[in-house]
Structure formats: C-alpha cells, structure tokens
C-alpha cells in the first residue's frame, strides 16, 4: 500500500519526504520533519492510527492528515475525522480515488503539491 500511495503522490506532483512502518515512527517523523500532508492507515502496529493522529495534531495542528481504512471501519473513520483528519481513503484504492481526495484537500486548504 505504501509503495502504491508513494507512486500516486509523486505522479501528482507531491514530494514524498518519508515513510513510517508504524504509528510510533509516524509521530516521531512528524515531530522532526513537520510535513504538510500525512497519509496514514488506521490499523498500524505499536500505535494505531487514531492515537498517532491525536499526537500528530498535538505536535502541529496544521499538518493535514488523510486516513486510510479498509471497508467496514466506518466507526474508526468517523473517530479519525472527529480527531482532526481532513479526509479518508477506503481500501482498496486507486489513483482516481486518491486524486479526488487530494484535489478536495488542495482546493479547501491551500495545500500545494
């Protein structure tokens, strides 16, 4: 999933500056690098995406977070949105779905690729 997402983001003009294998590493990366945008699975080892999202928004509330979830995780998606996630992508995803979410985020938040 990370490789496919990286390729789609790069193809759409975004500079992918890092990846994290789990929630703890994602939070550490955000603390050090302060990225403009984070895409993050809700289900991750060591720290789930909801707790990672909570901590990332505490570090810097301007970091835009798009959560990725499997079908059937509606409650988790709603929880993520209430914690400050800007949007979500449901797996399986494709370039069209991701581009649609990125376009909405760019238009609404002034995010630049």
PDB file of N, CA and C in Angstrom:
ATOM      1  N   UNK A   1       0.816  -1.186   0.000  1.00  0.00           N
ATOM      2  CA  UNK A   1       0.000   0.000   0.000  1.00  0.00           C
ATOM      3  C   UNK A   1       0.864   1.256   0.000  1.00  0.00           C
ATOM      4  N   UNK A   2       1.914   1.289   0.829  1.00  0.00           N
ATOM      5  CA  UNK A   2       2.752   2.494   0.899  1.00  0.00           C
ATOM      6  C   UNK A   2       3.413   2.797  -0.437  1.00  0.00           C
ATOM      7  N   UNK A   3       3.879   1.757  -1.121  1.00  0.00           N
ATOM      8  CA  UNK A   3       4.540   1.967  -2.410  1.00  0.00           C
ATOM      9  C   UNK A   3       3.559   2.535  -3.431  1.00  0.00           C
ATOM     10  N   UNK A   4       2.364   1.969  -3.501  1.00  0.00           N
ATOM     11  CA  UNK A   4       1.359   2.468  -4.444  1.00  0.00           C
ATOM     12  C   UNK A   4       1.001   3.914  -4.131  1.00  0.00           C
ATOM     13  N   UNK A   5       0.825   4.220  -2.873  1.00  0.00           N
ATOM     14  CA  UNK A   5       0.486   5.583  -2.467  1.00  0.00           C
ATOM     15  C   UNK A   5       1.624   6.544  -2.799  1.00  0.00           C
ATOM     16  N   UNK A   6       2.844   6.129  -2.530  1.00  0.00           N
ATOM     17  CA  UNK A   6       4.020   6.952  -2.854  1.00  0.00           C
ATOM     18  C   UNK A   6       4.046   7.269  -4.349  1.00  0.00           C
ATOM     19  N   UNK A   7       3.821   6.260  -5.181  1.00  0.00           N
ATOM     20  CA  UNK A   7       3.855   6.457  -6.629  1.00  0.00           C
ATOM     21  C   UNK A   7       2.761   7.416  -7.087  1.00  0.00           C
ATOM     22  N   UNK A   8       1.576   7.266  -6.549  1.00  0.00           N
ATOM     23  CA  UNK A   8       0.469   8.141  -6.942  1.00  0.00           C
ATOM     24  C   UNK A   8       0.732   9.572  -6.496  1.00  0.00           C
ATOM     25  N   UNK A   9       1.200   9.749  -5.270  1.00  0.00           N
ATOM     26  CA  UNK A   9       1.500  11.096  -4.783  1.00  0.00           C
ATOM     27  C   UNK A   9       2.599  11.745  -5.619  1.00  0.00           C
ATOM     28  N   UNK A  10       3.653  11.004  -5.896  1.00  0.00           N
ATOM     29  CA  UNK A  10       4.757  11.537  -6.704  1.00  0.00           C
ATOM     30  C   UNK A  10       4.279  11.906  -8.101  1.00  0.00           C
ATOM     31  N   UNK A  11       3.480  11.050  -8.693  1.00  0.00           N
ATOM     32  CA  UNK A  11       2.946  11.300 -10.036  1.00  0.00           C
ATOM     33  C   UNK A  11       2.102  12.570 -10.073  1.00  0.00           C
ATOM     34  N   UNK A  12       1.483  12.909  -8.946  1.00  0.00           N
ATOM     35  CA  UNK A  12       0.627  14.091  -8.871  1.00  0.00           C
ATOM     36  C   UNK A  12       1.358  15.318  -8.335  1.00  0.00           C
ATOM     37  N   UNK A  13       2.677  15.269  -8.329  1.00  0.00           N
ATOM     38  CA  UNK A  13       3.471  16.447  -8.008  1.00  0.00           C
ATOM     39  C   UNK A  13       3.845  16.637  -6.554  1.00  0.00           C
ATOM     40  N   UNK A  14       3.566  15.661  -5.706  1.00  0.00           N
ATOM     41  CA  UNK A  14       3.914  15.780  -4.297  1.00  0.00           C
ATOM     42  C   UNK A  14       5.300  15.195  -4.051  1.00  0.00           C
ATOM     43  N   UNK A  15       6.078  15.841  -3.204  1.00  0.00           N
ATOM     44  CA  UNK A  15       7.372  15.314  -2.790  1.00  0.00           C
ATOM     45  C   UNK A  15       7.151  14.437  -1.566  1.00  0.00           C
ATOM     46  N   UNK A  16       7.394  13.157  -1.700  1.00  0.00           N
ATOM     47  CA  UNK A  16       7.258  12.233  -0.575  1.00  0.00           C
ATOM     48  C   UNK A  16       8.581  12.263   0.180  1.00  0.00           C
ATOM     49  N   UNK A  17       8.542  12.795   1.408  1.00  0.00           N
ATOM     50  CA  UNK A  17       9.785  13.006   2.152  1.00  0.00           C
ATOM     51  C   UNK A  17      10.063  11.928   3.192  1.00  0.00           C
ATOM     52  N   UNK A  18       9.151  10.980   3.349  1.00  0.00           N
ATOM     53  CA  UNK A  18       9.400   9.924   4.315  1.00  0.00           C
ATOM     54  C   UNK A  18       8.268   8.932   4.391  1.00  0.00           C
ATOM     55  N   UNK A  19       8.547   7.827   5.056  1.00  0.00           N
ATOM     56  CA  UNK A  19       7.563   6.784   5.314  1.00  0.00           C
ATOM     57  C   UNK A  19       7.799   6.250   6.718  1.00  0.00           C
ATOM     58  N   UNK A  20       6.755   5.729   7.310  1.00  0.00           N
ATOM     59  CA  UNK A  20       6.871   5.144   8.644  1.00  0.00           C
ATOM     60  C   UNK A  20       6.135   3.810   8.659  1.00  0.00           C
ATOM     61  N   UNK A  21       6.747   2.823   9.267  1.00  0.00           N
ATOM     62  CA  UNK A  21       6.178   1.476   9.303  1.00  0.00           C
ATOM     63  C   UNK A  21       5.147   1.287  10.409  1.00  0.00           C
ATOM     64  N   UNK A  22       5.087   2.215  11.363  1.00  0.00           N
ATOM     65  CA  UNK A  22       4.114   2.090  12.447  1.00  0.00           C
ATOM     66  C   UNK A  22       3.760   3.468  12.994  1.00  0.00           C
ATOM     67  N   UNK A  23       2.813   3.493  13.906  1.00  0.00           N
ATOM     68  CA  UNK A  23       2.341   4.756  14.456  1.00  0.00           C
ATOM     69  C   UNK A  23       3.379   5.527  15.243  1.00  0.00           C
ATOM     70  N   UNK A  24       4.205   4.826  15.992  1.00  0.00           N
ATOM     71  CA  UNK A  24       5.250   5.496  16.780  1.00  0.00           C
ATOM     72  C   UNK A  24       6.220   6.214  15.852  1.00  0.00           C
ATOM     73  N   UNK A  25       6.651   5.532  14.803  1.00  0.00           N
ATOM     74  CA  UNK A  25       7.576   6.139  13.845  1.00  0.00           C
ATOM     75  C   UNK A  25       6.917   7.294  13.093  1.00  0.00           C
ATOM     76  N   UNK A  26       5.623   7.179  12.814  1.00  0.00           N
ATOM     77  CA  UNK A  26       4.907   8.267  12.132  1.00  0.00           C
ATOM     78  C   UNK A  26       4.894   9.529  12.993  1.00  0.00           C
ATOM     79  N   UNK A  27       4.617   9.369  14.270  1.00  0.00           N
ATOM     80  CA  UNK A  27       4.605  10.517  15.186  1.00  0.00           C
ATOM     81  C   UNK A  27       6.002  11.121  15.285  1.00  0.00           C
ATOM     82  N   UNK A  28       7.017  10.288  15.445  1.00  0.00           N
ATOM     83  CA  UNK A  28       8.396  10.786  15.516  1.00  0.00           C
ATOM     84  C   UNK A  28       8.777  11.533  14.247  1.00  0.00           C
ATOM     85  N   UNK A  29       8.404  10.983  13.103  1.00  0.00           N
ATOM     86  CA  UNK A  29       8.712  11.635  11.830  1.00  0.00           C
ATOM     87  C   UNK A  29       8.047  13.013  11.750  1.00  0.00           C
ATOM     88  N   UNK A  30       6.790  13.081  12.157  1.00  0.00           N
ATOM     89  CA  UNK A  30       6.077  14.367  12.116  1.00  0.00           C
ATOM     90  C   UNK A  30       6.690  15.376  13.087  1.00  0.00           C
ATOM     91  N   UNK A  31       7.127  14.902  14.224  1.00  0.00           N
ATOM     92  CA  UNK A  31       7.765  15.782  15.202  1.00  0.00           C
ATOM     93  C   UNK A  31       9.043  16.393  14.616  1.00  0.00           C
ATOM     94  N   UNK A  32       9.805  15.600  13.894  1.00  0.00           N
ATOM     95  CA  UNK A  32      11.083  16.064  13.348  1.00  0.00           C
ATOM     96  C   UNK A  32      10.936  16.818  12.032  1.00  0.00           C
ATOM     97  N   UNK A  33      10.044  16.380  11.158  1.00  0.00           N
ATOM     98  CA  UNK A  33      10.013  16.896   9.784  1.00  0.00           C
ATOM     99  C   UNK A  33       8.884  17.872   9.478  1.00  0.00           C
ATOM    100  N   UNK A  34       7.836  17.863  10.297  1.00  0.00           N
ATOM    101  CA  UNK A  34       6.686  18.744  10.081  1.00  0.00           C
ATOM    102  C   UNK A  34       6.206  18.757   8.623  1.00  0.00           C
ATOM    103  N   UNK A  35       5.769  17.606   8.114  1.00  0.00           N
ATOM    104  CA  UNK A  35       5.302  17.553   6.724  1.00  0.00           C
ATOM    105  C   UNK A  35       3.993  18.325   6.553  1.00  0.00           C
ATOM    106  N   UNK A  36       3.684  18.699   5.327  1.00  0.00           N
ATOM    107  CA  UNK A  36       2.413  19.363   5.034  1.00  0.00           C
ATOM    108  C   UNK A  36       1.259  18.373   5.068  1.00  0.00           C
ATOM    109  N   UNK A  37       1.534  17.144   4.630  1.00  0.00           N
ATOM    110  CA  UNK A  37       0.496  16.136   4.463  1.00  0.00           C
ATOM    111  C   UNK A  37       0.997  14.782   4.933  1.00  0.00           C
ATOM    112  N   UNK A  38       0.115  14.056   5.631  1.00  0.00           N
ATOM    113  CA  UNK A  38       0.402  12.687   6.067  1.00  0.00           C
ATOM    114  C   UNK A  38      -0.746  11.808   5.599  1.00  0.00           C
ATOM    115  N   UNK A  39      -0.421  10.683   4.976  1.00  0.00           N
ATOM    116  CA  UNK A  39      -1.425   9.655   4.715  1.00  0.00           C
ATOM    117  C   UNK A  39      -1.080   8.503   5.644  1.00  0.00           C
ATOM    118  N   UNK A  40      -2.086   7.992   6.333  1.00  0.00           N
ATOM    119  CA  UNK A  40      -1.791   7.034   7.395  1.00  0.00           C
ATOM    120  C   UNK A  40      -2.922   6.028   7.535  1.00  0.00           C
ATOM    121  N   UNK A  41      -2.558   4.763   7.614  1.00  0.00           N
ATOM    122  CA  UNK A  41      -3.533   3.706   7.836  1.00  0.00           C
ATOM    123  C   UNK A  41      -4.040   3.796   9.270  1.00  0.00           C
ATOM    124  N   UNK A  42      -5.277   3.452   9.472  1.00  0.00           N
ATOM    125  CA  UNK A  42      -5.828   3.441  10.829  1.00  0.00           C
ATOM    126  C   UNK A  42      -5.255   2.266  11.621  1.00  0.00           C
ATOM    127  N   UNK A  43      -5.080   1.134  10.962  1.00  0.00           N
ATOM    128  CA  UNK A  43      -4.556  -0.052  11.643  1.00  0.00           C
ATOM    129  C   UNK A  43      -3.057  -0.152  11.398  1.00  0.00           C
ATOM    130  N   UNK A  44      -2.272   0.103  12.444  1.00  0.00           N
ATOM    131  CA  UNK A  44      -0.812   0.030  12.370  1.00  0.00           C
ATOM    132  C   UNK A  44      -0.288  -0.624  13.639  1.00  0.00           C
ATOM    133  N   UNK A  45       0.893  -1.233  13.552  1.00  0.00           N
ATOM    134  CA  UNK A  45       1.482  -1.822  14.758  1.00  0.00           C
ATOM    135  C   UNK A  45       2.027  -0.758  15.710  1.00  0.00           C
ATOM    136  N   UNK A  46       2.206  -1.136  16.944  1.00  0.00           N
ATOM    137  CA  UNK A  46       2.817  -0.342  18.023  1.00  0.00           C
ATOM    138  C   UNK A  46       1.984   0.848  18.487  1.00  0.00           C
ATOM    139  N   UNK A  47       1.313   1.528  17.598  1.00  0.00           N
ATOM    140  CA  UNK A  47       0.398   2.615  17.959  1.00  0.00           C
ATOM    141  C   UNK A  47      -0.585   2.734  16.798  1.00  0.00           C
ATOM    142  N   UNK A  48      -1.877   2.634  17.088  1.00  0.00           N
ATOM    143  CA  UNK A  48      -2.830   2.691  15.980  1.00  0.00           C
ATOM    144  C   UNK A  48      -2.912   4.099  15.389  1.00  0.00           C
ATOM    145  N   UNK A  49      -3.530   4.180  14.233  1.00  0.00           N
ATOM    146  CA  UNK A  49      -3.616   5.448  13.523  1.00  0.00           C
ATOM    147  C   UNK A  49      -4.384   6.522  14.264  1.00  0.00           C
ATOM    148  N   UNK A  50      -5.365   6.137  15.065  1.00  0.00           N
ATOM    149  CA  UNK A  50      -6.132   7.136  15.813  1.00  0.00           C
ATOM    150  C   UNK A  50      -5.270   7.814  16.870  1.00  0.00           C
ATOM    151  N   UNK A  51      -4.498   7.027  17.603  1.00  0.00           N
ATOM    152  CA  UNK A  51      -3.609   7.620  18.607  1.00  0.00           C
ATOM    153  C   UNK A  51      -2.497   8.418  17.934  1.00  0.00           C
ATOM    154  N   UNK A  52      -1.971   7.906  16.833  1.00  0.00           N
ATOM    155  CA  UNK A  52      -0.936   8.651  16.096  1.00  0.00           C
ATOM    156  C   UNK A  52      -1.503   9.977  15.593  1.00  0.00           C
ATOM    157  N   UNK A  53      -2.712   9.959  15.072  1.00  0.00           N
ATOM    158  CA  UNK A  53      -3.365  11.188  14.609  1.00  0.00           C
ATOM    159  C   UNK A  53      -3.507  12.187  15.751  1.00  0.00           C
ATOM    160  N   UNK A  54      -3.966  11.708  16.893  1.00  0.00           N
ATOM    161  CA  UNK A  54      -4.134  12.570  18.069  1.00  0.00           C
ATOM    162  C   UNK A  54      -2.802  13.246  18.422  1.00  0.00           C
ATOM    163  N   UNK A  55      -1.731  12.474  18.440  1.00  0.00           N
ATOM    164  CA  UNK A  55      -0.423  13.027  18.796  1.00  0.00           C
ATOM    165  C   UNK A  55       0.124  13.960  17.712  1.00  0.00           C
ATOM    166  N   UNK A  56      -0.080  13.614  16.446  1.00  0.00           N
ATOM    167  CA  UNK A  56       0.387  14.474  15.351  1.00  0.00           C
ATOM    168  C   UNK A  56      -0.307  15.829  15.411  1.00  0.00           C
ATOM    169  N   UNK A  57      -1.595  15.843  15.644  1.00  0.00           N
ATOM    170  CA  UNK A  57      -2.338  17.106  15.716  1.00  0.00           C
ATOM    171  C   UNK A  57      -1.910  17.925  16.932  1.00  0.00           C
ATOM    172  N   UNK A  58      -1.454  17.263  17.995  1.00  0.00           N
ATOM    173  CA  UNK A  58      -0.926  17.974  19.157  1.00  0.00           C
ATOM    174  C   UNK A  58       0.427  18.602  18.827  1.00  0.00           C
ATOM    175  N   UNK A  59       1.238  17.887  18.075  1.00  0.00           N
ATOM    176  CA  UNK A  59       2.548  18.404  17.663  1.00  0.00           C
ATOM    177  C   UNK A  59       2.383  19.633  16.781  1.00  0.00           C
ATOM    178  N   UNK A  60       1.516  19.527  15.771  1.00  0.00           N
ATOM    179  CA  UNK A  60       1.305  20.629  14.830  1.00  0.00           C
ATOM    180  C   UNK A  60      -0.062  20.456  14.185  1.00  0.00           C
ATOM    181  N   UNK A  61      -1.007  21.253  14.599  1.00  0.00           N
ATOM    182  CA  UNK A  61      -2.378  21.105  14.107  1.00  0.00           C
ATOM    183  C   UNK A  61      -2.522  21.452  12.631  1.00  0.00           C
ATOM    184  N   UNK A  62      -1.510  22.088  12.034  1.00  0.00           N
ATOM    185  CA  UNK A  62      -1.611  22.440  10.616  1.00  0.00           C
ATOM    186  C   UNK A  62      -1.218  21.286   9.690  1.00  0.00           C
ATOM    187  N   UNK A  63      -0.662  20.204  10.235  1.00  0.00           N
ATOM    188  CA  UNK A  63      -0.341  19.037   9.403  1.00  0.00           C
ATOM    189  C   UNK A  63      -1.656  18.412   8.947  1.00  0.00           C
ATOM    190  N   UNK A  64      -1.814  18.285   7.646  1.00  0.00           N
ATOM    191  CA  UNK A  64      -3.020  17.675   7.079  1.00  0.00           C
ATOM    192  C   UNK A  64      -2.860  16.158   7.109  1.00  0.00           C
ATOM    193  N   UNK A  65      -3.895  15.473   7.595  1.00  0.00           N
ATOM    194  CA  UNK A  65      -3.843  14.015   7.705  1.00  0.00           C
ATOM    195  C   UNK A  65      -5.010  13.406   6.937  1.00  0.00           C
ATOM    196  N   UNK A  66      -4.674  12.474   6.064  1.00  0.00           N
ATOM    197  CA  UNK A  66      -5.674  11.674   5.364  1.00  0.00           C
ATOM    198  C   UNK A  66      -5.520  10.254   5.882  1.00  0.00           C
ATOM    199  N   UNK A  67      -6.582   9.700   6.434  1.00  0.00           N
ATOM    200  CA  UNK A  67      -6.512   8.337   6.956  1.00  0.00           C
ATOM    201  C   UNK A  67      -6.942   7.350   5.880  1.00  0.00           C
ATOM    202  N   UNK A  68      -6.337   6.187   5.936  1.00  0.00           N
ATOM    203  CA  UNK A  68      -6.637   5.106   5.007  1.00  0.00           C
ATOM    204  C   UNK A  68      -7.242   3.979   5.829  1.00  0.00           C
ATOM    205  N   UNK A  69      -8.368   3.454   5.363  1.00  0.00           N
ATOM    206  CA  UNK A  69      -9.013   2.386   6.123  1.00  0.00           C
ATOM    207  C   UNK A  69      -9.581   1.336   5.181  1.00  0.00           C
ATOM    208  N   UNK A  70      -9.791   0.164   5.728  1.00  0.00           N
ATOM    209  CA  UNK A  70     -10.448  -0.896   4.978  1.00  0.00           C
ATOM    210  C   UNK A  70     -11.954  -0.683   5.056  1.00  0.00           C
ATOM    211  N   UNK A  71     -12.649  -1.261   4.109  1.00  0.00           N
ATOM    212  CA  UNK A  71     -14.107  -1.188   4.166  1.00  0.00           C
ATOM    213  C   UNK A  71     -14.564  -1.810   5.476  1.00  0.00           C
ATOM    214  N   UNK A  72     -15.633  -1.287   6.038  1.00  0.00           N
ATOM    215  CA  UNK A  72     -16.157  -1.823   7.275  1.00  0.00           C
ATOM    216  C   UNK A  72     -15.586  -1.179   8.521  1.00  0.00           C
ATOM    217  N   UNK A  73     -14.791  -0.143   8.361  1.00  0.00           N
ATOM    218  CA  UNK A  73     -14.209   0.551   9.517  1.00  0.00           C
ATOM    219  C   UNK A  73     -14.844   1.930   9.704  1.00  0.00           C
ATOM    220  N   UNK A  74     -16.119   2.022   9.447  1.00  0.00           N
ATOM    221  CA  UNK A  74     -16.808   3.317   9.489  1.00  0.00           C
ATOM    222  C   UNK A  74     -16.606   4.042  10.824  1.00  0.00           C
ATOM    223  N   UNK A  75     -16.722   3.327  11.936  1.00  0.00           N
ATOM    224  CA  UNK A  75     -16.555   3.975  13.238  1.00  0.00           C
ATOM    225  C   UNK A  75     -15.153   4.562  13.374  1.00  0.00           C
ATOM    226  N   UNK A  76     -14.134   3.809  12.964  1.00  0.00           N
ATOM    227  CA  UNK A  76     -12.769   4.323  13.037  1.00  0.00           C
ATOM    228  C   UNK A  76     -12.587   5.563  12.169  1.00  0.00           C
ATOM    229  N   UNK A  77     -13.177   5.549  10.980  1.00  0.00           N
ATOM    230  CA  UNK A  77     -13.083   6.717  10.093  1.00  0.00           C
ATOM    231  C   UNK A  77     -13.755   7.917  10.746  1.00  0.00           C
ATOM    232  N   UNK A  78     -14.926   7.721  11.310  1.00  0.00           N
ATOM    233  CA  UNK A  78     -15.639   8.828  11.969  1.00  0.00           C
ATOM    234  C   UNK A  78     -14.832   9.345  13.162  1.00  0.00           C
ATOM    235  N   UNK A  79     -14.231   8.437  13.920  1.00  0.00           N
ATOM    236  CA  UNK A  79     -13.374   8.851  15.036  1.00  0.00           C
ATOM    237  C   UNK A  79     -12.191   9.669  14.529  1.00  0.00           C
ATOM    238  N   UNK A  80     -11.580   9.222  13.430  1.00  0.00           N
ATOM    239  CA  UNK A  80     -10.432   9.947  12.866  1.00  0.00           C
ATOM    240  C   UNK A  80     -10.843  11.346  12.417  1.00  0.00           C
ATOM    241  N   UNK A  81     -11.976  11.462  11.771  1.00  0.00           N
ATOM    242  CA  UNK A  81     -12.449  12.781  11.337  1.00  0.00           C
ATOM    243  C   UNK A  81     -12.718  13.681  12.538  1.00  0.00           C
ATOM    244  N   UNK A  82     -13.261  13.107  13.601  1.00  0.00           N
ATOM    245  CA  UNK A  82     -13.527  13.925  14.795  1.00  0.00           C
ATOM    246  C   UNK A  82     -12.234  14.336  15.501  1.00  0.00           C
ATOM    247  N   UNK A  83     -11.150  13.581  15.288  1.00  0.00           N
ATOM    248  CA  UNK A  83      -9.852  13.922  15.876  1.00  0.00           C
ATOM    249  C   UNK A  83      -9.060  14.909  15.016  1.00  0.00           C
ATOM    250  N   UNK A  84      -9.604  15.247  13.852  1.00  0.00           N
ATOM    251  CA  UNK A  84      -8.944  16.259  13.027  1.00  0.00           C
ATOM    252  C   UNK A  84      -8.427  15.804  11.685  1.00  0.00           C
ATOM    253  N   UNK A  85      -8.657  14.544  11.317  1.00  0.00           N
ATOM    254  CA  UNK A  85      -8.253  14.115   9.972  1.00  0.00           C
ATOM    255  C   UNK A  85      -9.043  14.924   8.949  1.00  0.00           C
ATOM    256  N   UNK A  86      -8.367  15.316   7.883  1.00  0.00           N
ATOM    257  CA  UNK A  86      -9.022  16.128   6.868  1.00  0.00           C
ATOM    258  C   UNK A  86      -9.905  15.315   5.936  1.00  0.00           C
ATOM    259  N   UNK A  87      -9.548  14.047   5.720  1.00  0.00           N
ATOM    260  CA  UNK A  87     -10.320  13.218   4.808  1.00  0.00           C
ATOM    261  C   UNK A  87      -9.904  11.772   5.006  1.00  0.00           C
ATOM    262  N   UNK A  88     -10.480  10.880   4.210  1.00  0.00           N
ATOM    263  CA  UNK A  88     -10.146   9.469   4.314  1.00  0.00           C
ATOM    264  C   UNK A  88     -10.194   8.820   2.938  1.00  0.00           C
ATOM    265  N   UNK A  89      -9.482   7.726   2.809  1.00  0.00           N
ATOM    266  CA  UNK A  89      -9.473   6.913   1.601  1.00  0.00           C
ATOM    267  C   UNK A  89      -9.778   5.489   2.039  1.00  0.00           C
ATOM    268  N   UNK A  90     -10.726   4.846   1.353  1.00  0.00           N
ATOM    269  CA  UNK A  90     -11.097   3.471   1.679  1.00  0.00           C
ATOM    270  C   UNK A  90     -10.340   2.513   0.759  1.00  0.00           C
ATOM    271  N   UNK A  91      -9.739   1.483   1.367  1.00  0.00           N
ATOM    272  CA  UNK A  91      -9.061   0.442   0.594  1.00  0.00           C
ATOM    273  C   UNK A  91     -10.098  -0.548   0.076  1.00  0.00           C
ATOM    274  N   UNK A  92      -9.909  -1.126  -1.059  1.00  0.00           N
ATOM    275  CA  UNK A  92      -8.792  -0.879  -1.967  1.00  0.00           C
ATOM    276  C   UNK A  92      -8.976   0.473  -2.656  1.00  0.00           C
ATOM    277  N   UNK A  93      -7.870   1.153  -2.882  1.00  0.00           N
ATOM    278  CA  UNK A  93      -7.948   2.458  -3.521  1.00  0.00           C
ATOM    279  C   UNK A  93      -7.269   2.409  -4.883  1.00  0.00           C
ATOM    280  N   UNK A  94      -7.541   3.438  -5.660  1.00  0.00           N
ATOM    281  CA  UNK A  94      -6.875   3.579  -6.947  1.00  0.00           C
ATOM    282  C   UNK A  94      -6.502   5.048  -7.126  1.00  0.00           C
ATOM    283  N   UNK A  95      -5.832   5.338  -8.205  1.00  0.00           N
ATOM    284  CA  UNK A  95      -5.351   6.696  -8.426  1.00  0.00           C
ATOM    285  C   UNK A  95      -6.490   7.708  -8.495  1.00  0.00           C
ATOM    286  N   UNK A  96      -7.609   7.323  -9.079  1.00  0.00           N
ATOM    287  CA  UNK A  96      -8.742   8.245  -9.201  1.00  0.00           C
ATOM    288  C   UNK A  96      -9.256   8.652  -7.824  1.00  0.00           C
ATOM    289  N   UNK A  97      -9.428   7.683  -6.928  1.00  0.00           N
ATOM    290  CA  UNK A  97      -9.909   7.994  -5.573  1.00  0.00           C
ATOM    291  C   UNK A  97      -8.938   8.917  -4.847  1.00  0.00           C
ATOM    292  N   UNK A  98      -7.659   8.606  -4.938  1.00  0.00           N
ATOM    293  CA  UNK A  98      -6.660   9.411  -4.231  1.00  0.00           C
ATOM    294  C   UNK A  98      -6.589  10.815  -4.814  1.00  0.00           C
ATOM    295  N   UNK A  99      -6.610  10.919  -6.128  1.00  0.00           N
ATOM    296  CA  UNK A  99      -6.561  12.226  -6.780  1.00  0.00           C
ATOM    297  C   UNK A  99      -7.764  13.074  -6.387  1.00  0.00           C
ATOM    298  N   UNK A 100      -8.920  12.448  -6.279  1.00  0.00           N
ATOM    299  CA  UNK A 100     -10.135  13.163  -5.874  1.00  0.00           C
ATOM    300  C   UNK A 100      -9.985  13.735  -4.454  1.00  0.00           C
ATOM    301  N   UNK A 101      -9.473  12.933  -3.542  1.00  0.00           N
ATOM    302  CA  UNK A 101      -9.280  13.386  -2.159  1.00  0.00           C
ATOM    303  C   UNK A 101      -8.228  14.492  -2.099  1.00  0.00           C
ATOM    304  N   UNK A 102      -7.129  14.321  -2.828  1.00  0.00           N
ATOM    305  CA  UNK A 102      -6.081  15.346  -2.846  1.00  0.00           C
ATOM    306  C   UNK A 102      -6.586  16.653  -3.442  1.00  0.00           C
ATOM    307  N   UNK A 103      -7.372  16.570  -4.498  1.00  0.00           N
ATOM    308  CA  UNK A 103      -7.922  17.777  -5.121  1.00  0.00           C
ATOM    309  C   UNK A 103      -8.832  18.521  -4.157  1.00  0.00           C
ATOM    310  N   UNK A 104      -9.660  17.787  -3.440  1.00  0.00           N
ATOM    311  CA  UNK A 104     -10.544  18.422  -2.461  1.00  0.00           C
ATOM    312  C   UNK A 104      -9.729  19.090  -1.365  1.00  0.00           C
ATOM    313  N   UNK A 105      -8.674  18.446  -0.930  1.00  0.00           N
ATOM    314  CA  UNK A 105      -7.820  18.995   0.118  1.00  0.00           C
ATOM    315  C   UNK A 105      -7.072  20.226  -0.383  1.00  0.00           C
ATOM    316  N   UNK A 106      -6.539  20.167  -1.591  1.00  0.00           N
ATOM    317  CA  UNK A 106      -5.827  21.313  -2.167  1.00  0.00           C
ATOM    318  C   UNK A 106      -6.757  22.508  -2.297  1.00  0.00           C
ATOM    319  N   UNK A 107      -7.951  22.265  -2.795  1.00  0.00           N
ATOM    320  CA  UNK A 107      -8.910  23.348  -3.006  1.00  0.00           C
ATOM    321  C   UNK A 107      -9.353  23.955  -1.683  1.00  0.00           C
ATOM    322  N   UNK A 108      -9.617  23.104  -0.699  1.00  0.00           N
ATOM    323  CA  UNK A 108     -10.149  23.594   0.565  1.00  0.00           C
ATOM    324  C   UNK A 108      -9.117  24.139   1.528  1.00  0.00           C
ATOM    325  N   UNK A 109      -7.871  23.693   1.405  1.00  0.00           N
ATOM    326  CA  UNK A 109      -6.887  24.063   2.424  1.00  0.00           C
ATOM    327  C   UNK A 109      -5.655  24.763   1.874  1.00  0.00           C
ATOM    328  N   UNK A 110      -5.644  25.026   0.596  1.00  0.00           N
ATOM    329  CA  UNK A 110      -4.487  25.697   0.032  1.00  0.00           C
ATOM    330  C   UNK A 110      -3.242  24.840   0.009  1.00  0.00           C
ATOM    331  N   UNK A 111      -3.401  23.534   0.058  1.00  0.00           N
ATOM    332  CA  UNK A 111      -2.261  22.627   0.024  1.00  0.00           C
ATOM    333  C   UNK A 111      -1.652  22.658  -1.365  1.00  0.00           C
ATOM    334  N   UNK A 112      -0.336  22.723  -1.417  1.00  0.00           N
ATOM    335  CA  UNK A 112       0.349  22.777  -2.708  1.00  0.00           C
ATOM    336  C   UNK A 112       1.146  21.508  -2.930  1.00  0.00           C
ATOM    337  N   UNK A 113       1.029  20.937  -4.147  1.00  0.00           N
ATOM    338  CA  UNK A 113       1.842  19.750  -4.441  1.00  0.00           C
ATOM    339  C   UNK A 113       3.307  20.116  -4.524  1.00  0.00           C
TER     340      UNK A 113
END
